[in-house]
Amino acid sequence: MSAPISAEAMAGASAVAMPADIERAARRVERRQGLRAALLVLPLIVLIAFAFLIPVGLLLFKSIDNPVVADGLPETLAALATWSPADGAPADTVYAGLKRDILKAKADGTLGIIGARLNQDTPGARSLLQATGRKLEDATDADPRQAFIAIDKRWGATEIFGAIRNAGDRYTFNYYLNALDLTRDGAGGIVAKPEGQRLHINLFIRTVWVSALTAFVCFLLAYPIAYLLAHLPARRANLLMIIVLLPFWTSILVRITSWIALLQKQGVVNDALTALGVIGEAGRLALIYNMTGTIIVGTHILLPFFILPLYSVMKTVNPNLVRAATSLGASPFTAFRRVYFPLTVPGIFAGSSLVFILCTGYFITPALVGGQNGQLISNIIAYHMQQSLNWGLAAALSTLLLVMIGVVYFLYTRLVRDQR
């Protein structure tokens, strides 16, 4: 018969069990809190996924996706697998496969799509393919090579077959080459485009230059305004803040069209300068539909985005630091340069990066006031999306622009970290 359990033993067991129960209860509370937090964050995660991650993923995929020629001319590409432009005109098997592919594509209604894809790399390929499709049905099968050459002499050369082979990869980086003003020759080597066809690199350089200049002009205008906001009495500072925020309450199209009325040759600015005798009637300034108009209007629209982060930093600077510097013998300018200005550098970095990033993606302002010389890379992306329908090139250009913005953001974070 077992000995009875003493009261002291039961009390000791309870003392051991209670902390374990408390720990389990705490874990249950933590799990419930974690689940509640996850449910609260879930809408944000879904929004980020559908508004950013999925579109960026589709953008990256579209920039390398190239199924048109691979699906449209499969027999031709298979016959060209062992062919090289150094071999001269392809063998008869290539022409025979090309004939079957063209006739099938014409029956399916996809010949124009295939021609449009080839035309992106080789101008004139679309008209050549469609003209060949119309005349090919009457050609005999005895000599397919001569049948093609009889339709158009370009089928006897190697350029068009090199273009077909270069465009035949289902996944390709050719769109990125095009975005960097490069292309492939008939042998598949990477070469620079002819001088007259190099467009995108110049637009990227122009976009960076305009964005940097706009950010610099915004800095010159925003710094004194932010300083006044941070140091004026509350009543005057509130009135000035309303003036700064007033453009946000007005449509961007209204602001742009107002600037068009102000800056055109017969506009308010030129009329005022002419009336004051600064310029003559024949010397009216071209302030719109050029790069000048893009910078002026862009600066006005983006200026609040520089003022607000700069003001938020200036508001945290202790004014006693400047007073202490002047009390120790520093001149007001030296106190500003050695004490106050370095403390506001994080705000300058924040405002500069924000304005620069917004300006690189600007589309409406250059489209309306930039004219031919004031267009930025965003305008050519819109052109390829809406008019040329070269979505692969538009996706590649957008990806390169996204990478450029990512580099700017990375540099900004490094600079801010070094300032701390």
Protein backbone atom coordinates (compact mmCIF):
# COMPACT_ATOMS: atom_id res chain seq x y z
CA MET A 1 0.00 0.00 0.00
CA SER A 2 1.46 3.34 -1.11
CA ALA A 3 2.20 6.03 1.42
CA PRO A 4 -0.15 9.04 1.49
CA ILE A 5 1.07 12.21 -0.23
CA SER A 6 1.91 14.85 2.29
CA ALA A 7 0.55 18.40 2.12
CA GLU A 8 4.07 19.76 1.66
CA ALA A 9 4.59 17.56 -1.45
CA MET A 10 1.28 18.69 -2.99
CA ALA A 11 2.20 22.34 -2.40
CA GLY A 12 5.59 21.80 -4.05
CA ALA A 13 3.97 20.18 -7.14
CA SER A 14 1.57 23.10 -7.47
CA ALA A 15 4.45 25.53 -7.23
CA VAL A 16 6.17 23.71 -10.11
CA ALA A 17 3.03 23.48 -12.26
CA MET A 18 1.90 27.10 -11.95
CA PRO A 19 4.82 28.68 -13.85
CA ALA A 20 4.33 26.17 -16.68
CA ASP A 21 0.61 27.05 -16.90
CA ILE A 22 1.42 30.75 -16.89
CA GLU A 23 3.95 30.24 -19.67
CA ARG A 24 1.44 28.33 -21.80
CA ALA A 25 -1.17 31.00 -21.22
CA ALA A 26 1.32 33.71 -22.19
CA ARG A 27 2.14 31.85 -25.40
CA ARG A 28 -1.58 31.60 -26.23
CA VAL A 29 -1.96 35.35 -25.69
CA GLU A 30 1.07 36.05 -27.88
CA ARG A 31 -0.32 33.82 -30.67
CA ARG A 32 -3.67 35.61 -30.52
CA GLN A 33 -1.97 38.99 -30.60
CA GLY A 34 0.23 37.89 -33.50
CA LEU A 35 -2.80 36.61 -35.43
CA ARG A 36 -4.66 39.85 -34.76
CA ALA A 37 -1.69 41.89 -35.93
CA ALA A 38 -1.36 39.74 -39.07
CA LEU A 39 -5.03 40.26 -39.88
CA LEU A 40 -4.63 44.01 -39.45
CA VAL A 41 -1.57 44.07 -41.74
CA LEU A 42 -3.07 41.68 -44.32
CA PRO A 43 -4.94 44.40 -46.30
CA LEU A 44 -1.69 46.38 -46.59
CA ILE A 45 0.19 43.28 -47.77
CA VAL A 46 -2.51 42.56 -50.37
CA LEU A 47 -2.41 46.19 -51.54
CA ILE A 48 1.38 46.13 -51.88
CA ALA A 49 1.23 42.83 -53.75
CA PHE A 50 -1.41 43.93 -56.25
CA ALA A 51 -0.26 47.54 -56.61
CA PHE A 52 3.52 47.01 -56.68
CA LEU A 53 4.96 43.49 -56.54
CA ILE A 54 2.74 41.85 -59.18
CA PRO A 55 2.97 44.81 -61.64
CA VAL A 56 6.75 44.94 -61.25
CA GLY A 57 6.96 41.18 -61.77
CA LEU A 58 4.82 41.40 -64.91
CA LEU A 59 6.97 44.31 -66.10
CA LEU A 60 10.15 42.28 -65.71
CA PHE A 61 8.59 39.29 -67.47
CA LYS A 62 7.28 41.40 -70.35
CA SER A 63 10.72 42.88 -70.91
CA ILE A 64 12.12 39.44 -71.83
CA ASP A 65 9.01 37.68 -73.19
CA ASN A 66 9.28 37.21 -76.96
CA PRO A 67 6.87 34.50 -78.21
CA VAL A 68 5.63 36.03 -81.49
CA VAL A 69 8.30 34.83 -83.93
CA ALA A 70 8.98 31.61 -82.01
CA ASP A 71 5.32 30.61 -82.27
CA GLY A 72 4.74 32.06 -85.73
CA LEU A 73 7.73 30.73 -87.67
CA PRO A 74 8.69 27.43 -85.94
CA GLU A 75 9.77 25.48 -89.06
CA THR A 76 11.86 28.39 -90.31
CA LEU A 77 13.67 28.74 -87.00
CA ALA A 78 14.31 25.00 -86.81
CA ALA A 79 15.85 25.06 -90.31
CA LEU A 80 17.94 28.14 -89.40
CA ALA A 81 19.38 26.53 -86.26
CA THR A 82 22.59 25.43 -88.04
CA TRP A 83 22.74 28.34 -90.49
CA SER A 84 25.18 31.26 -90.29
CA PRO A 85 25.23 34.45 -92.37
CA ALA A 86 28.75 33.51 -93.39
CA ASP A 87 27.23 30.57 -95.28
CA GLY A 88 25.40 32.92 -97.63
CA ALA A 89 21.75 32.43 -98.54
CA PRO A 90 20.02 29.64 -96.57
CA ALA A 91 19.32 26.20 -97.96
CA ASP A 92 16.12 25.29 -99.78
CA THR A 93 14.78 23.62 -96.65
CA VAL A 94 14.69 27.04 -94.96
CA TYR A 95 12.67 28.52 -97.81
CA ALA A 96 10.31 25.54 -97.82
CA GLY A 97 9.72 25.84 -94.07
CA LEU A 98 9.29 29.61 -94.36
CA LYS A 99 6.64 29.15 -97.04
CA ARG A 100 4.63 26.78 -94.86
CA ASP A 101 4.96 29.10 -91.87
CA ILE A 102 3.87 32.17 -93.83
CA LEU A 103 0.86 30.46 -95.37
CA LYS A 104 -0.21 29.10 -91.99
CA ALA A 105 0.24 32.50 -90.32
CA LYS A 106 -1.78 34.13 -93.09
CA ALA A 107 -4.58 31.61 -92.62
CA ASP A 108 -4.50 32.21 -88.84
CA GLY A 109 -4.45 36.00 -89.24
CA THR A 110 -1.15 36.38 -87.37
CA LEU A 111 1.13 37.33 -90.29
CA GLY A 112 0.78 41.04 -89.55
CA ILE A 113 1.70 40.50 -85.90
CA ILE A 114 4.81 38.54 -86.89
CA GLY A 115 5.76 41.24 -89.38
CA ALA A 116 5.25 43.97 -86.79
CA ARG A 117 7.58 42.16 -84.37
CA LEU A 118 10.28 41.76 -87.04
CA ASN A 119 9.79 45.37 -88.08
CA GLN A 120 10.89 46.50 -84.59
CA ASP A 121 14.40 45.19 -85.36
CA THR A 122 14.46 45.41 -89.16
CA PRO A 123 12.50 48.29 -90.74
CA GLY A 124 10.57 47.13 -93.79
CA ALA A 125 10.16 43.53 -92.61
CA ARG A 126 6.42 43.87 -92.07
CA SER A 127 5.65 45.08 -95.59
CA LEU A 128 7.99 42.43 -97.01
CA LEU A 129 6.28 39.64 -95.09
CA GLN A 130 2.76 40.74 -95.96
CA ALA A 131 3.58 41.24 -99.66
CA THR A 132 5.17 37.80 -99.73
CA GLY A 133 2.11 36.28 -98.06
CA ARG A 134 -0.17 37.73 -100.74
CA LYS A 135 1.92 36.40 -103.65
CA LEU A 136 3.18 33.15 -102.18
CA GLU A 137 0.05 31.10 -102.80
CA ASP A 138 0.59 31.30 -106.57
CA ALA A 139 4.24 30.19 -106.34
CA THR A 140 5.20 26.64 -107.24
CA ASP A 141 6.86 24.22 -104.85
CA ALA A 142 9.51 23.16 -107.36
CA ASP A 143 12.06 25.79 -106.37
CA PRO A 144 11.01 27.68 -103.18
CA ARG A 145 14.21 29.76 -103.19
CA GLN A 146 13.53 31.20 -106.64
CA ALA A 147 9.87 31.69 -105.75
CA PHE A 148 10.81 33.93 -102.81
CA ILE A 149 13.47 35.83 -104.76
CA ALA A 150 11.00 36.40 -107.59
CA ILE A 151 8.63 38.03 -105.10
CA ASP A 152 11.34 40.25 -103.57
CA LYS A 153 15.12 40.24 -104.04
CA ARG A 154 15.65 40.78 -100.32
CA TRP A 155 14.82 37.10 -99.78
CA GLY A 156 18.05 36.26 -101.58
CA ALA A 157 20.17 38.15 -99.02
CA THR A 158 21.07 37.15 -95.48
CA GLU A 159 19.83 40.20 -93.52
CA ILE A 160 16.19 39.20 -93.24
CA PHE A 161 17.03 35.64 -92.19
CA GLY A 162 19.47 36.96 -89.59
CA ALA A 163 16.68 39.18 -88.24
CA ILE A 164 14.28 36.20 -88.08
CA ARG A 165 16.83 34.12 -86.19
CA ASN A 166 17.70 36.93 -83.77
CA ALA A 167 14.01 37.49 -83.01
CA GLY A 168 13.25 33.77 -82.69
CA ASP A 169 14.23 33.26 -79.04
CA ARG A 170 11.17 32.86 -76.83
CA TYR A 171 12.94 34.76 -74.04
CA THR A 172 15.39 37.45 -75.05
CA PHE A 173 17.38 40.42 -73.81
CA ASN A 174 17.09 42.16 -77.18
CA TYR A 175 14.61 44.66 -75.75
CA TYR A 176 17.25 45.77 -73.25
CA LEU A 177 19.79 46.07 -76.05
CA ASN A 178 17.35 48.25 -77.95
CA ALA A 179 16.76 50.34 -74.83
CA LEU A 180 20.53 50.92 -74.63
CA ASP A 181 20.75 51.81 -78.36
CA LEU A 182 22.37 48.47 -79.19
CA THR A 183 21.30 45.75 -81.60
CA ARG A 184 22.43 42.41 -83.02
CA ASP A 185 23.99 41.96 -86.42
CA GLY A 186 23.14 39.08 -88.74
CA ALA A 187 25.59 36.80 -86.93
CA GLY A 188 24.03 37.58 -83.54
CA GLY A 189 26.82 39.84 -82.26
CA ILE A 190 26.01 42.96 -80.23
CA VAL A 191 26.76 46.20 -82.07
CA ALA A 192 25.82 49.85 -81.67
CA LYS A 193 22.90 51.18 -83.66
CA PRO A 194 23.56 53.66 -86.47
CA GLU A 195 24.08 57.23 -85.29
CA GLY A 196 20.67 58.40 -86.49
CA GLN A 197 18.82 55.67 -84.57
CA ARG A 198 20.36 56.27 -81.15
CA LEU A 199 17.59 57.80 -79.07
CA HIS A 200 17.14 56.19 -75.69
CA ILE A 201 20.54 56.87 -74.12
CA ASN A 202 20.20 60.58 -74.94
CA LEU A 203 16.73 60.57 -73.39
CA PHE A 204 18.03 58.89 -70.22
CA ILE A 205 20.82 61.49 -69.98
CA ARG A 206 18.33 64.30 -70.58
CA THR A 207 15.98 62.89 -67.93
CA VAL A 208 18.76 62.71 -65.34
CA TRP A 209 19.96 66.21 -66.21
CA VAL A 210 16.49 67.78 -66.08
CA SER A 211 15.65 65.97 -62.83
CA ALA A 212 18.91 67.07 -61.19
CA LEU A 213 18.51 70.67 -62.39
CA THR A 214 14.90 70.79 -61.21
CA ALA A 215 15.95 69.46 -57.80
CA PHE A 216 18.70 72.09 -57.57
CA VAL A 217 16.34 74.96 -58.51
CA CYS A 218 13.80 73.65 -56.00
CA PHE A 219 16.55 73.65 -53.34
CA LEU A 220 17.41 77.30 -54.06
CA LEU A 221 13.76 78.31 -53.74
CA ALA A 222 12.73 75.94 -50.97
CA TYR A 223 15.50 76.65 -48.46
CA PRO A 224 14.54 80.26 -47.62
CA ILE A 225 10.83 79.39 -47.65
CA ALA A 226 11.35 76.46 -45.27
CA TYR A 227 13.55 78.67 -43.07
CA LEU A 228 10.77 81.25 -42.80
CA LEU A 229 8.22 78.54 -42.03
CA ALA A 230 10.40 77.25 -39.21
CA HIS A 231 11.22 80.63 -37.64
CA LEU A 232 8.28 82.97 -38.27
CA PRO A 233 5.67 83.47 -35.55
CA ALA A 234 2.95 80.83 -35.61
CA ARG A 235 0.30 83.06 -37.22
CA ARG A 236 2.49 84.12 -40.14
CA ALA A 237 3.97 80.65 -40.51
CA ASN A 238 0.47 79.15 -40.81
CA LEU A 239 -0.43 81.66 -43.52
CA LEU A 240 2.77 80.86 -45.42
CA MET A 241 2.10 77.13 -45.05
CA ILE A 242 -1.34 77.61 -46.62
CA ILE A 243 0.31 79.38 -49.58
CA VAL A 244 2.80 76.51 -49.93
CA LEU A 245 0.06 73.88 -49.85
CA LEU A 246 -2.35 75.81 -52.06
CA PRO A 247 -1.10 74.17 -55.33
CA PHE A 248 -2.14 70.75 -53.95
CA TRP A 249 -5.74 71.96 -54.00
CA THR A 250 -5.59 72.78 -57.70
CA SER A 251 -5.61 70.30 -60.58
CA ILE A 252 -2.21 69.77 -62.15
CA LEU A 253 -3.73 70.31 -65.60
CA VAL A 254 -5.06 73.71 -64.49
CA ARG A 255 -1.61 74.69 -63.24
CA ILE A 256 0.10 73.57 -66.44
CA THR A 257 -2.36 75.37 -68.72
CA SER A 258 -1.97 78.49 -66.57
CA TRP A 259 1.78 78.36 -67.13
CA ILE A 260 1.18 77.98 -70.88
CA ALA A 261 -0.82 81.22 -70.81
CA LEU A 262 1.93 82.93 -68.82
CA LEU A 263 4.99 81.74 -70.75
CA GLN A 264 3.96 81.70 -74.41
CA LYS A 265 5.40 84.35 -76.72
CA GLN A 266 2.22 86.39 -76.55
CA GLY A 267 1.74 85.57 -72.88
CA VAL A 268 1.81 87.62 -69.69
CA VAL A 269 5.55 87.29 -69.00
CA ASN A 270 6.65 88.38 -72.47
CA ASP A 271 4.08 91.18 -72.52
CA ALA A 272 5.37 92.46 -69.17
CA LEU A 273 9.01 92.35 -70.28
CA THR A 274 8.12 94.12 -73.52
CA ALA A 275 6.15 96.81 -71.69
CA LEU A 276 9.07 97.42 -69.32
CA GLY A 277 11.48 97.73 -72.24
CA VAL A 278 13.59 94.74 -71.14
CA ILE A 279 13.11 93.07 -74.52
CA GLY A 280 11.88 94.28 -77.88
CA GLU A 281 8.84 93.08 -79.74
CA ALA A 282 11.00 90.99 -82.04
CA GLY A 283 12.99 89.53 -79.13
CA ARG A 284 10.18 87.83 -77.25
CA LEU A 285 11.50 84.85 -75.30
CA ALA A 286 10.67 81.23 -76.13
CA LEU A 287 9.79 80.04 -72.63
CA ILE A 288 7.36 77.26 -73.51
CA TYR A 289 7.36 74.09 -75.64
CA ASN A 290 11.04 73.52 -74.93
CA MET A 291 13.32 72.42 -72.12
CA THR A 292 12.96 75.79 -70.37
CA GLY A 293 9.22 75.30 -70.08
CA THR A 294 9.67 71.79 -68.70
CA ILE A 295 12.04 73.02 -65.96
CA ILE A 296 9.94 76.06 -65.01
CA VAL A 297 6.64 74.20 -64.77
CA GLY A 298 8.25 71.14 -63.17
CA THR A 299 9.89 73.32 -60.51
CA HIS A 300 6.59 74.97 -59.64
CA ILE A 301 4.77 71.65 -59.34
CA LEU A 302 7.49 69.87 -57.34
CA LEU A 303 8.55 72.75 -55.08
CA PRO A 304 6.20 71.79 -52.18
CA PHE A 305 7.72 68.29 -52.16
CA PHE A 306 11.08 69.90 -51.32
CA ILE A 307 9.78 72.46 -48.84
CA LEU A 308 7.90 70.06 -46.58
CA PRO A 309 10.70 67.57 -45.71
CA LEU A 310 13.17 70.44 -45.37
CA TYR A 311 10.80 72.29 -43.06
CA SER A 312 10.28 69.19 -40.91
CA VAL A 313 14.05 68.97 -40.35
CA MET A 314 14.52 72.70 -39.72
CA LYS A 315 11.76 72.62 -37.12
CA THR A 316 13.82 70.20 -35.02
CA VAL A 317 17.00 72.33 -35.04
CA ASN A 318 17.55 73.99 -31.69
CA PRO A 319 17.93 77.78 -32.27
CA ASN A 320 20.07 78.04 -29.14
CA LEU A 321 22.90 76.33 -31.04
CA VAL A 322 23.21 79.27 -33.43
CA ARG A 323 22.93 81.74 -30.55
CA ALA A 324 25.70 79.90 -28.73
CA ALA A 325 27.92 80.08 -31.82
CA THR A 326 27.38 83.84 -32.21
CA SER A 327 27.95 84.38 -28.48
CA LEU A 328 31.31 82.64 -28.85
CA GLY A 329 32.41 85.10 -31.52
CA ALA A 330 31.18 83.58 -34.78
CA SER A 331 29.61 85.90 -37.33
CA PRO A 332 25.98 85.20 -38.31
CA PHE A 333 27.12 83.82 -41.65
CA THR A 334 29.74 81.58 -40.02
CA ALA A 335 27.22 80.35 -37.46
CA PHE A 336 24.82 79.54 -40.26
CA ARG A 337 27.48 77.82 -42.37
CA ARG A 338 29.19 75.89 -39.58
CA VAL A 339 26.23 75.08 -37.29
CA TYR A 340 22.79 75.53 -38.81
CA PHE A 341 23.28 74.41 -42.42
CA PRO A 342 24.96 71.04 -41.60
CA LEU A 343 22.03 70.19 -39.32
CA THR A 344 19.59 70.71 -42.21
CA VAL A 345 21.50 68.52 -44.69
CA PRO A 346 19.25 65.45 -44.04
CA GLY A 347 16.26 67.55 -45.10
CA ILE A 348 18.13 68.64 -48.23
CA PHE A 349 18.90 65.02 -49.08
CA ALA A 350 15.26 64.01 -48.50
CA GLY A 351 13.86 66.84 -50.60
CA SER A 352 16.40 66.37 -53.40
CA SER A 353 15.82 62.63 -53.70
CA LEU A 354 12.03 63.05 -53.57
CA VAL A 355 11.99 65.74 -56.28
CA PHE A 356 14.51 63.86 -58.42
CA ILE A 357 12.56 60.58 -58.28
CA LEU A 358 9.25 62.28 -59.03
CA CYS A 359 10.77 64.21 -61.92
CA THR A 360 12.28 61.13 -63.57
CA GLY A 361 8.82 59.64 -63.93
CA TYR A 362 7.13 62.84 -65.05
CA PHE A 363 4.92 62.46 -68.10
CA ILE A 364 2.18 65.12 -68.23
CA THR A 365 4.39 68.18 -67.84
CA PRO A 366 6.91 67.33 -70.61
CA ALA A 367 4.08 66.16 -72.86
CA LEU A 368 2.20 69.47 -72.58
CA VAL A 369 4.97 72.07 -72.30
CA GLY A 370 8.16 70.27 -73.36
CA GLY A 371 7.73 70.35 -77.13
CA GLN A 372 10.14 68.29 -79.20
CA ASN A 373 13.24 69.15 -77.16
CA GLY A 374 11.67 68.88 -73.71
CA GLN A 375 10.54 65.25 -73.83
CA LEU A 376 11.83 62.82 -71.21
CA ILE A 377 12.18 59.04 -71.11
CA SER A 378 8.64 58.67 -69.72
CA ASN A 379 7.24 60.16 -72.92
CA ILE A 380 8.99 57.61 -75.15
CA ILE A 381 7.73 54.82 -72.85
CA ALA A 382 4.19 56.11 -73.32
CA TYR A 383 4.77 56.26 -77.08
CA HIS A 384 5.81 52.62 -77.24
CA MET A 385 2.86 51.60 -75.06
CA GLN A 386 0.18 53.54 -76.93
CA GLN A 387 1.35 54.05 -80.51
CA SER A 388 4.14 51.73 -81.64
CA LEU A 389 2.73 48.94 -79.39
CA ASN A 390 6.26 47.73 -78.69
CA TRP A 391 5.41 46.70 -75.15
CA GLY A 392 8.61 44.70 -74.69
CA LEU A 393 10.75 47.77 -75.34
CA ALA A 394 8.49 49.89 -73.14
CA ALA A 395 8.88 47.32 -70.34
CA ALA A 396 12.68 47.28 -70.77
CA LEU A 397 12.85 51.09 -70.66
CA SER A 398 10.63 51.12 -67.58
CA THR A 399 12.82 48.52 -65.88
CA LEU A 400 15.97 50.55 -66.56
CA LEU A 401 14.20 53.64 -65.20
CA LEU A 402 13.20 51.66 -62.10
CA VAL A 403 16.81 50.55 -61.63
CA MET A 404 18.00 54.15 -61.96
CA ILE A 405 15.52 55.28 -59.31
CA GLY A 406 16.62 52.40 -57.08
CA VAL A 407 20.25 53.53 -57.39
CA VAL A 408 19.26 57.08 -56.41
CA TYR A 409 17.34 55.78 -53.40
CA PHE A 410 20.28 53.60 -52.37
CA LEU A 411 22.65 56.57 -52.55
CA TYR A 412 20.20 58.66 -50.53
CA THR A 413 20.03 56.07 -47.76
CA ARG A 414 23.82 55.83 -47.67
CA LEU A 415 24.20 59.61 -47.46
CA VAL A 416 21.61 59.87 -44.71
CA ARG A 417 23.29 57.06 -42.77
CA ASP A 418 26.68 58.76 -43.08
CA GLN A 419 25.21 61.99 -41.71
CA ARG A 420 24.04 60.30 -38.51
